[in-house]
């Protein structure tokens, strides 16, 4: 769910900004992150350790990015989701 929402929101924001090499690079990065997140969520669904690692890492990265942009909601959501996923380690480790 996170990967798909990341992809949709970023695509709509970049579409309003117009074309340009910088936007293309950002969109390729975001699509790559979204695909990795979807892969991680599939790993969680199938109770795989690598899925747990990918999702936990993506939430930690999201918190770091939110800290850089001082996005309080992003920080709170990222920490909450990372804490929840980390707390479920007995299913994956």
Protein backbone atom coordinates (compact mmCIF):
# COMPACT_ATOMS: atom_id res chain seq x y z
CA UNK A 1 0.00 0.00 0.00
CA UNK A 2 2.81 2.40 0.86
CA UNK A 3 4.61 1.84 -2.43
CA UNK A 4 1.51 2.44 -4.50
CA UNK A 5 0.54 5.58 -2.62
CA UNK A 6 4.10 6.92 -2.88
CA UNK A 7 4.04 6.35 -6.61
CA UNK A 8 0.64 7.97 -7.17
CA UNK A 9 1.21 11.05 -5.03
CA UNK A 10 4.66 11.78 -6.41
CA UNK A 11 3.55 11.28 -10.00
CA UNK A 12 0.69 13.75 -9.58
CA UNK A 13 2.98 16.33 -7.93
CA UNK A 14 5.64 15.99 -10.63
CA UNK A 15 3.01 16.18 -13.37
CA UNK A 16 2.05 19.65 -12.16
CA UNK A 17 5.69 20.78 -12.16
CA UNK A 18 6.20 20.06 -15.85
CA UNK A 19 8.93 18.29 -17.76
CA UNK A 20 12.62 18.48 -17.09
CA UNK A 21 15.61 16.25 -16.44
CA UNK A 22 15.43 16.85 -12.68
CA UNK A 23 11.81 15.74 -12.54
CA UNK A 24 12.57 12.64 -14.58
CA UNK A 25 15.40 11.67 -12.24
CA UNK A 26 13.19 12.21 -9.19
CA UNK A 27 10.35 10.23 -10.75
CA UNK A 28 12.65 7.31 -11.63
CA UNK A 29 13.94 7.31 -8.04
CA UNK A 30 10.41 7.39 -6.63
CA UNK A 31 9.24 4.58 -8.92
CA UNK A 32 12.24 2.50 -7.82
CA UNK A 33 11.47 3.15 -4.15
CA UNK A 34 7.79 2.30 -4.71
CA UNK A 35 8.67 -1.01 -6.39
CA UNK A 36 11.08 -1.88 -3.56
CA UNK A 37 8.35 -1.04 -1.01
CA UNK A 38 5.84 -3.23 -2.82
CA UNK A 39 8.39 -6.05 -2.84
CA UNK A 40 8.94 -5.52 0.88
CA UNK A 41 5.22 -5.61 1.62
CA UNK A 42 4.95 -8.85 -0.34
CA UNK A 43 7.75 -10.20 1.86
CA UNK A 44 5.81 -9.17 4.97
CA UNK A 45 2.67 -10.80 3.61
CA UNK A 46 4.53 -14.08 3.11
CA UNK A 47 6.35 -13.74 6.47
CA UNK A 48 9.84 -13.49 4.97
CA UNK A 49 12.77 -11.99 6.86
CA UNK A 50 13.94 -10.00 3.83
CA UNK A 51 10.52 -8.34 3.60
CA UNK A 52 10.78 -7.25 7.22
CA UNK A 53 14.24 -5.79 6.58
CA UNK A 54 13.14 -3.95 3.42
CA UNK A 55 10.04 -2.43 5.02
CA UNK A 56 11.83 -1.46 8.22
CA UNK A 57 14.64 0.12 6.19
CA UNK A 58 12.19 2.04 4.01
CA UNK A 59 10.44 3.49 7.06
CA UNK A 60 13.77 4.50 8.61
CA UNK A 61 14.72 6.16 5.31
CA UNK A 62 11.33 7.92 5.26
CA UNK A 63 11.98 9.29 8.76
CA UNK A 64 15.41 10.57 7.71
CA UNK A 65 13.90 12.29 4.66
CA UNK A 66 11.12 13.75 6.82
CA UNK A 67 13.75 15.08 9.24
CA UNK A 68 15.60 16.75 6.37
CA UNK A 69 12.41 18.47 5.19
CA UNK A 70 11.15 19.04 8.77
CA UNK A 71 7.90 17.24 8.02
CA UNK A 72 6.45 16.56 11.47
CA UNK A 73 3.63 14.34 10.20
CA UNK A 74 6.11 12.27 8.19
CA UNK A 75 8.37 11.90 11.20
CA UNK A 76 5.52 10.80 13.47
CA UNK A 77 4.05 8.39 10.90
CA UNK A 78 7.44 6.92 9.98
CA UNK A 79 8.46 6.37 13.59
CA UNK A 80 5.08 4.83 14.44
CA UNK A 81 5.14 2.43 11.49
CA UNK A 82 8.80 1.52 12.03
CA UNK A 83 8.10 0.86 15.71
CA UNK A 84 5.13 -1.35 14.82
CA UNK A 85 7.04 -3.35 12.19
CA UNK A 86 10.06 -3.68 14.49
CA UNK A 87 7.78 -4.96 17.26
CA UNK A 88 6.58 -7.80 15.03
CA UNK A 89 10.07 -9.24 14.55
CA UNK A 90 9.15 -12.58 16.15
CA UNK A 91 7.19 -13.40 12.98
CA UNK A 92 10.13 -12.78 10.67
CA UNK A 93 13.34 -13.53 12.57
